[in-house]
């Protein structure tokens, strides 16, 4: 419970953090929904559409079921 209280205090002190988290969630949710619909993955579409966990389920879907991260290189 203390973690939730500290997180809410941090968000209230820094509203830009809330905007950043919302954009992060929106981008990965929309990408995952688009790929799931395009590839006819109905279960993944429902999971990504209804589960909102900071983009974690969406990133798991994009990494495991699509080629979205196939050519992603961290070291340029």
PDB file of N, CA and C in Angstrom:
ATOM      1  N   UNK A   1       0.823  -1.191   0.000  1.00  0.00           N
ATOM      2  CA  UNK A   1       0.000   0.000   0.000  1.00  0.00           C
ATOM      3  C   UNK A   1       0.867   1.255   0.000  1.00  0.00           C
ATOM      4  N   UNK A   2       1.998   1.166   0.661  1.00  0.00           N
ATOM      5  CA  UNK A   2       2.909   2.315   0.725  1.00  0.00           C
ATOM      6  C   UNK A   2       3.463   2.660  -0.657  1.00  0.00           C
ATOM      7  N   UNK A   3       3.688   1.653  -1.476  1.00  0.00           N
ATOM      8  CA  UNK A   3       4.200   1.879  -2.830  1.00  0.00           C
ATOM      9  C   UNK A   3       3.194   2.671  -3.653  1.00  0.00           C
ATOM     10  N   UNK A   4       1.935   2.321  -3.535  1.00  0.00           N
ATOM     11  CA  UNK A   4       0.886   3.023  -4.275  1.00  0.00           C
ATOM     12  C   UNK A   4       0.797   4.477  -3.825  1.00  0.00           C
ATOM     13  N   UNK A   5       0.922   4.707  -2.538  1.00  0.00           N
ATOM     14  CA  UNK A   5       0.875   6.070  -2.008  1.00  0.00           C
ATOM     15  C   UNK A   5       2.046   6.890  -2.533  1.00  0.00           C
ATOM     16  N   UNK A   6       3.238   6.315  -2.528  1.00  0.00           N
ATOM     17  CA  UNK A   6       4.417   7.031  -3.034  1.00  0.00           C
ATOM     18  C   UNK A   6       4.288   7.304  -4.533  1.00  0.00           C
ATOM     19  N   UNK A   7       3.762   6.323  -5.277  1.00  0.00           N
ATOM     20  CA  UNK A   7       3.587   6.513  -6.712  1.00  0.00           C
ATOM     21  C   UNK A   7       2.598   7.637  -6.996  1.00  0.00           C
ATOM     22  N   UNK A   8       1.497   7.667  -6.250  1.00  0.00           N
ATOM     23  CA  UNK A   8       0.503   8.726  -6.464  1.00  0.00           C
ATOM     24  C   UNK A   8       1.073  10.094  -6.100  1.00  0.00           C
ATOM     25  N   UNK A   9       1.885  10.160  -5.068  1.00  0.00           N
ATOM     26  CA  UNK A   9       2.524  11.427  -4.699  1.00  0.00           C
ATOM     27  C   UNK A   9       3.492  11.876  -5.790  1.00  0.00           C
ATOM     28  N   UNK A  10       4.228  10.918  -6.368  1.00  0.00           N
ATOM     29  CA  UNK A  10       5.174  11.239  -7.444  1.00  0.00           C
ATOM     30  C   UNK A  10       4.439  11.762  -8.673  1.00  0.00           C
ATOM     31  N   UNK A  11       3.333  11.138  -9.015  1.00  0.00           N
ATOM     32  CA  UNK A  11       2.560  11.565 -10.182  1.00  0.00           C
ATOM     33  C   UNK A  11       1.956  12.950  -9.949  1.00  0.00           C
ATOM     34  N   UNK A  12       1.464  13.195  -8.746  1.00  0.00           N
ATOM     35  CA  UNK A  12       0.902  14.513  -8.444  1.00  0.00           C
ATOM     36  C   UNK A  12       1.968  15.593  -8.480  1.00  0.00           C
ATOM     37  N   UNK A  13       3.183  15.260  -8.061  1.00  0.00           N
ATOM     38  CA  UNK A  13       4.270  16.239  -8.077  1.00  0.00           C
ATOM     39  C   UNK A  13       4.818  16.458  -9.483  1.00  0.00           C
ATOM     40  N   UNK A  14       4.667  15.478 -10.362  1.00  0.00           N
ATOM     41  CA  UNK A  14       5.221  15.565 -11.703  1.00  0.00           C
ATOM     42  C   UNK A  14       4.195  15.064 -12.720  1.00  0.00           C
ATOM     43  N   UNK A  15       3.290  15.920 -13.176  1.00  0.00           N
ATOM     44  CA  UNK A  15       2.250  15.490 -14.118  1.00  0.00           C
ATOM     45  C   UNK A  15       2.794  15.006 -15.462  1.00  0.00           C
ATOM     46  N   UNK A  16       4.004  15.421 -15.826  1.00  0.00           N
ATOM     47  CA  UNK A  16       4.592  14.968 -17.084  1.00  0.00           C
ATOM     48  C   UNK A  16       4.823  13.459 -17.051  1.00  0.00           C
ATOM     49  N   UNK A  17       5.059  12.911 -15.877  1.00  0.00           N
ATOM     50  CA  UNK A  17       5.229  11.469 -15.737  1.00  0.00           C
ATOM     51  C   UNK A  17       3.955  10.734 -16.133  1.00  0.00           C
ATOM     52  N   UNK A  18       2.825  11.255 -15.736  1.00  0.00           N
ATOM     53  CA  UNK A  18       1.543  10.654 -16.101  1.00  0.00           C
ATOM     54  C   UNK A  18       1.327  10.703 -17.611  1.00  0.00           C
ATOM     55  N   UNK A  19       1.687  11.801 -18.224  1.00  0.00           N
ATOM     56  CA  UNK A  19       1.565  11.930 -19.678  1.00  0.00           C
ATOM     57  C   UNK A  19       2.483  10.924 -20.368  1.00  0.00           C
ATOM     58  N   UNK A  20       3.697  10.789 -19.879  1.00  0.00           N
ATOM     59  CA  UNK A  20       4.645   9.840 -20.466  1.00  0.00           C
ATOM     60  C   UNK A  20       4.175   8.405 -20.358  1.00  0.00           C
ATOM     61  N   UNK A  21       3.677   8.026 -19.185  1.00  0.00           N
ATOM     62  CA  UNK A  21       3.165   6.669 -18.988  1.00  0.00           C
ATOM     63  C   UNK A  21       1.954   6.422 -19.887  1.00  0.00           C
ATOM     64  N   UNK A  22       1.092   7.414 -20.015  1.00  0.00           N
ATOM     65  CA  UNK A  22      -0.097   7.270 -20.870  1.00  0.00           C
ATOM     66  C   UNK A  22       0.287   7.110 -22.333  1.00  0.00           C
ATOM     67  N   UNK A  23       1.254   7.879 -22.791  1.00  0.00           N
ATOM     68  CA  UNK A  23       1.708   7.754 -24.183  1.00  0.00           C
ATOM     69  C   UNK A  23       2.361   6.393 -24.427  1.00  0.00           C
ATOM     70  N   UNK A  24       3.185   5.948 -23.471  1.00  0.00           N
ATOM     71  CA  UNK A  24       3.827   4.637 -23.564  1.00  0.00           C
ATOM     72  C   UNK A  24       2.770   3.549 -23.734  1.00  0.00           C
ATOM     73  N   UNK A  25       1.772   3.571 -22.875  1.00  0.00           N
ATOM     74  CA  UNK A  25       0.701   2.576 -22.901  1.00  0.00           C
ATOM     75  C   UNK A  25      -0.070   2.652 -24.216  1.00  0.00           C
ATOM     76  N   UNK A  26      -0.392   3.849 -24.656  1.00  0.00           N
ATOM     77  CA  UNK A  26      -1.184   4.019 -25.872  1.00  0.00           C
ATOM     78  C   UNK A  26      -0.442   3.518 -27.105  1.00  0.00           C
ATOM     79  N   UNK A  27       0.830   3.838 -27.220  1.00  0.00           N
ATOM     80  CA  UNK A  27       1.606   3.425 -28.397  1.00  0.00           C
ATOM     81  C   UNK A  27       1.681   1.909 -28.487  1.00  0.00           C
ATOM     82  N   UNK A  28       2.069   1.256 -27.393  1.00  0.00           N
ATOM     83  CA  UNK A  28       2.203  -0.194 -27.448  1.00  0.00           C
ATOM     84  C   UNK A  28       0.858  -0.896 -27.561  1.00  0.00           C
ATOM     85  N   UNK A  29      -0.181  -0.345 -26.968  1.00  0.00           N
ATOM     86  CA  UNK A  29      -1.509  -0.946 -27.103  1.00  0.00           C
ATOM     87  C   UNK A  29      -1.991  -0.865 -28.547  1.00  0.00           C
ATOM     88  N   UNK A  30      -1.857   0.291 -29.153  1.00  0.00           N
ATOM     89  CA  UNK A  30      -2.297   0.440 -30.547  1.00  0.00           C
ATOM     90  C   UNK A  30      -1.492  -0.443 -31.500  1.00  0.00           C
ATOM     91  N   UNK A  31      -0.182  -0.518 -31.290  1.00  0.00           N
ATOM     92  CA  UNK A  31       0.641  -1.390 -32.140  1.00  0.00           C
ATOM     93  C   UNK A  31       0.227  -2.853 -32.009  1.00  0.00           C
ATOM     94  N   UNK A  32       0.062  -3.287 -30.765  1.00  0.00           N
ATOM     95  CA  UNK A  32      -0.311  -4.687 -30.546  1.00  0.00           C
ATOM     96  C   UNK A  32      -1.695  -4.987 -31.106  1.00  0.00           C
ATOM     97  N   UNK A  33      -2.640  -4.092 -30.916  1.00  0.00           N
ATOM     98  CA  UNK A  33      -3.983  -4.302 -31.458  1.00  0.00           C
ATOM     99  C   UNK A  33      -3.951  -4.367 -32.981  1.00  0.00           C
ATOM    100  N   UNK A  34      -3.163  -3.504 -33.590  1.00  0.00           N
ATOM    101  CA  UNK A  34      -3.069  -3.485 -35.050  1.00  0.00           C
ATOM    102  C   UNK A  34      -2.486  -4.797 -35.571  1.00  0.00           C
ATOM    103  N   UNK A  35      -1.374  -5.243 -34.967  1.00  0.00           N
ATOM    104  CA  UNK A  35      -0.757  -6.497 -35.403  1.00  0.00           C
ATOM    105  C   UNK A  35      -1.669  -7.692 -35.129  1.00  0.00           C
ATOM    106  N   UNK A  36      -2.325  -7.714 -33.970  1.00  0.00           N
ATOM    107  CA  UNK A  36      -3.209  -8.841 -33.641  1.00  0.00           C
ATOM    108  C   UNK A  36      -4.386  -8.916 -34.607  1.00  0.00           C
ATOM    109  N   UNK A  37      -4.967  -7.791 -34.950  1.00  0.00           N
ATOM    110  CA  UNK A  37      -6.088  -7.787 -35.892  1.00  0.00           C
ATOM    111  C   UNK A  37      -5.618  -8.196 -37.286  1.00  0.00           C
ATOM    112  N   UNK A  38      -4.480  -7.706 -37.683  1.00  0.00           N
ATOM    113  CA  UNK A  38      -3.945  -8.000 -39.005  1.00  0.00           C
ATOM    114  C   UNK A  38      -3.591  -9.482 -39.160  1.00  0.00           C
ATOM    115  N   UNK A  39      -3.117 -10.094 -38.060  1.00  0.00           N
ATOM    116  CA  UNK A  39      -2.706 -11.500 -38.104  1.00  0.00           C
ATOM    117  C   UNK A  39      -3.797 -12.452 -37.624  1.00  0.00           C
ATOM    118  N   UNK A  40      -4.997 -11.926 -37.377  1.00  0.00           N
ATOM    119  CA  UNK A  40      -6.150 -12.725 -36.956  1.00  0.00           C
ATOM    120  C   UNK A  40      -5.888 -13.498 -35.657  1.00  0.00           C
ATOM    121  N   UNK A  41      -5.207 -12.834 -34.705  1.00  0.00           N
ATOM    122  CA  UNK A  41      -4.960 -13.403 -33.376  1.00  0.00           C
ATOM    123  C   UNK A  41      -6.013 -12.843 -32.427  1.00  0.00           C
ATOM    124  N   UNK A  42      -7.164 -13.487 -32.384  1.00  0.00           N
ATOM    125  CA  UNK A  42      -8.309 -12.955 -31.635  1.00  0.00           C
ATOM    126  C   UNK A  42      -8.080 -12.924 -30.129  1.00  0.00           C
ATOM    127  N   UNK A  43      -7.458 -13.962 -29.583  1.00  0.00           N
ATOM    128  CA  UNK A  43      -7.213 -14.002 -28.135  1.00  0.00           C
ATOM    129  C   UNK A  43      -6.237 -12.889 -27.739  1.00  0.00           C
ATOM    130  N   UNK A  44      -5.173 -12.730 -28.508  1.00  0.00           N
ATOM    131  CA  UNK A  44      -4.211 -11.659 -28.212  1.00  0.00           C
ATOM    132  C   UNK A  44      -4.872 -10.288 -28.354  1.00  0.00           C
ATOM    133  N   UNK A  45      -5.739 -10.139 -29.348  1.00  0.00           N
ATOM    134  CA  UNK A  45      -6.443  -8.873 -29.523  1.00  0.00           C
ATOM    135  C   UNK A  45      -7.252  -8.530 -28.276  1.00  0.00           C
ATOM    136  N   UNK A  46      -7.977  -9.516 -27.756  1.00  0.00           N
ATOM    137  CA  UNK A  46      -8.777  -9.284 -26.550  1.00  0.00           C
ATOM    138  C   UNK A  46      -7.891  -9.007 -25.335  1.00  0.00           C
ATOM    139  N   UNK A  47      -6.808  -9.775 -25.184  1.00  0.00           N
ATOM    140  CA  UNK A  47      -5.905  -9.547 -24.056  1.00  0.00           C
ATOM    141  C   UNK A  47      -5.304  -8.143 -24.102  1.00  0.00           C
ATOM    142  N   UNK A  48      -4.814  -7.755 -25.266  1.00  0.00           N
ATOM    143  CA  UNK A  48      -4.186  -6.435 -25.393  1.00  0.00           C
ATOM    144  C   UNK A  48      -5.200  -5.314 -25.251  1.00  0.00           C
ATOM    145  N   UNK A  49      -6.422  -5.569 -25.648  1.00  0.00           N
ATOM    146  CA  UNK A  49      -7.449  -4.547 -25.563  1.00  0.00           C
ATOM    147  C   UNK A  49      -7.988  -4.325 -24.164  1.00  0.00           C
ATOM    148  N   UNK A  50      -8.034  -5.384 -23.367  1.00  0.00           N
ATOM    149  CA  UNK A  50      -8.649  -5.270 -22.045  1.00  0.00           C
ATOM    150  C   UNK A  50      -7.657  -5.220 -20.882  1.00  0.00           C
ATOM    151  N   UNK A  51      -6.463  -5.748 -21.069  1.00  0.00           N
ATOM    152  CA  UNK A  51      -5.472  -5.754 -19.989  1.00  0.00           C
ATOM    153  C   UNK A  51      -4.552  -4.542 -20.146  1.00  0.00           C
ATOM    154  N   UNK A  52      -4.534  -3.696 -19.166  1.00  0.00           N
ATOM    155  CA  UNK A  52      -3.697  -2.502 -19.215  1.00  0.00           C
ATOM    156  C   UNK A  52      -2.640  -2.594 -18.113  1.00  0.00           C
ATOM    157  N   UNK A  53      -1.452  -3.069 -18.466  1.00  0.00           N
ATOM    158  CA  UNK A  53      -0.376  -3.263 -17.502  1.00  0.00           C
ATOM    159  C   UNK A  53       0.902  -2.583 -17.985  1.00  0.00           C
ATOM    160  N   UNK A  54       0.821  -1.294 -18.245  1.00  0.00           N
ATOM    161  CA  UNK A  54       1.968  -0.485 -18.681  1.00  0.00           C
ATOM    162  C   UNK A  54       2.623  -1.032 -19.944  1.00  0.00           C
ATOM    163  N   UNK A  55       1.843  -1.642 -20.808  1.00  0.00           N
ATOM    164  CA  UNK A  55       2.352  -2.127 -22.080  1.00  0.00           C
ATOM    165  C   UNK A  55       3.072  -3.459 -22.019  1.00  0.00           C
ATOM    166  N   UNK A  56       3.083  -4.127 -20.881  1.00  0.00           N
ATOM    167  CA  UNK A  56       3.827  -5.379 -20.751  1.00  0.00           C
ATOM    168  C   UNK A  56       3.261  -6.488 -21.627  1.00  0.00           C
ATOM    169  N   UNK A  57       1.967  -6.681 -21.609  1.00  0.00           N
ATOM    170  CA  UNK A  57       1.363  -7.739 -22.431  1.00  0.00           C
ATOM    171  C   UNK A  57       1.552  -7.418 -23.911  1.00  0.00           C
ATOM    172  N   UNK A  58       1.436  -6.149 -24.256  1.00  0.00           N
ATOM    173  CA  UNK A  58       1.607  -5.750 -25.646  1.00  0.00           C
ATOM    174  C   UNK A  58       3.033  -6.011 -26.120  1.00  0.00           C
ATOM    175  N   UNK A  59       4.022  -5.699 -25.279  1.00  0.00           N
ATOM    176  CA  UNK A  59       5.416  -5.924 -25.642  1.00  0.00           C
ATOM    177  C   UNK A  59       5.693  -7.416 -25.763  1.00  0.00           C
ATOM    178  N   UNK A  60       5.131  -8.220 -24.867  1.00  0.00           N
ATOM    179  CA  UNK A  60       5.297  -9.679 -24.954  1.00  0.00           C
ATOM    180  C   UNK A  60       4.712 -10.194 -26.266  1.00  0.00           C
ATOM    181  N   UNK A  61       3.524  -9.704 -26.625  1.00  0.00           N
ATOM    182  CA  UNK A  61       2.912 -10.124 -27.893  1.00  0.00           C
ATOM    183  C   UNK A  61       3.772  -9.707 -29.082  1.00  0.00           C
ATOM    184  N   UNK A  62       4.195  -8.458 -29.110  1.00  0.00           N
ATOM    185  CA  UNK A  62       4.974  -7.966 -30.239  1.00  0.00           C
ATOM    186  C   UNK A  62       6.306  -8.702 -30.366  1.00  0.00           C
ATOM    187  N   UNK A  63       6.915  -9.066 -29.241  1.00  0.00           N
ATOM    188  CA  UNK A  63       8.201  -9.759 -29.275  1.00  0.00           C
ATOM    189  C   UNK A  63       8.062 -11.235 -29.644  1.00  0.00           C
ATOM    190  N   UNK A  64       6.966 -11.859 -29.236  1.00  0.00           N
ATOM    191  CA  UNK A  64       6.869 -13.307 -29.437  1.00  0.00           C
ATOM    192  C   UNK A  64       6.074 -13.715 -30.675  1.00  0.00           C
ATOM    193  N   UNK A  65       5.124 -12.929 -31.105  1.00  0.00           N
ATOM    194  CA  UNK A  65       4.230 -13.353 -32.183  1.00  0.00           C
ATOM    195  C   UNK A  65       4.366 -12.560 -33.476  1.00  0.00           C
ATOM    196  N   UNK A  66       5.176 -11.491 -33.482  1.00  0.00           N
ATOM    197  CA  UNK A  66       5.326 -10.686 -34.696  1.00  0.00           C
ATOM    198  C   UNK A  66       6.810 -10.481 -34.997  1.00  0.00           C
ATOM    199  N   UNK A  67       7.078  -9.827 -36.101  1.00  0.00           N
ATOM    200  CA  UNK A  67       8.447  -9.490 -36.479  1.00  0.00           C
ATOM    201  C   UNK A  67       8.783  -8.052 -36.101  1.00  0.00           C
ATOM    202  N   UNK A  68       8.001  -7.453 -35.221  1.00  0.00           N
ATOM    203  CA  UNK A  68       8.180  -6.044 -34.890  1.00  0.00           C
ATOM    204  C   UNK A  68       9.565  -5.771 -34.305  1.00  0.00           C
ATOM    205  N   UNK A  69      10.055  -6.628 -33.433  1.00  0.00           N
ATOM    206  CA  UNK A  69      11.369  -6.440 -32.818  1.00  0.00           C
ATOM    207  C   UNK A  69      12.457  -7.272 -33.478  1.00  0.00           C
ATOM    208  N   UNK A  70      12.188  -7.836 -34.624  1.00  0.00           N
ATOM    209  CA  UNK A  70      13.135  -8.748 -35.292  1.00  0.00           C
ATOM    210  C   UNK A  70      14.464  -8.070 -35.594  1.00  0.00           C
ATOM    211  N   UNK A  71      14.441  -6.897 -36.176  1.00  0.00           N
ATOM    212  CA  UNK A  71      15.662  -6.202 -36.566  1.00  0.00           C
ATOM    213  C   UNK A  71      16.047  -5.099 -35.598  1.00  0.00           C
ATOM    214  N   UNK A  72      15.510  -5.149 -34.407  1.00  0.00           N
ATOM    215  CA  UNK A  72      15.786  -4.115 -33.398  1.00  0.00           C
ATOM    216  C   UNK A  72      17.166  -4.350 -32.792  1.00  0.00           C
ATOM    217  N   UNK A  73      18.062  -3.359 -32.938  1.00  0.00           N
ATOM    218  CA  UNK A  73      19.420  -3.486 -32.412  1.00  0.00           C
ATOM    219  C   UNK A  73      19.694  -2.345 -31.452  1.00  0.00           C
ATOM    220  N   UNK A  74      20.140  -2.685 -30.254  1.00  0.00           N
ATOM    221  CA  UNK A  74      20.405  -1.674 -29.252  1.00  0.00           C
ATOM    222  C   UNK A  74      21.741  -0.975 -29.460  1.00  0.00           C
ATOM    223  N   UNK A  75      22.705  -1.636 -30.073  1.00  0.00           N
ATOM    224  CA  UNK A  75      24.041  -1.075 -30.218  1.00  0.00           C
ATOM    225  C   UNK A  75      24.302  -0.534 -31.627  1.00  0.00           C
ATOM    226  N   UNK A  76      23.254  -0.053 -32.274  1.00  0.00           N
ATOM    227  CA  UNK A  76      23.363   0.592 -33.575  1.00  0.00           C
ATOM    228  C   UNK A  76      23.924  -0.315 -34.576  1.00  0.00           C
TER     229      UNK A  76
END
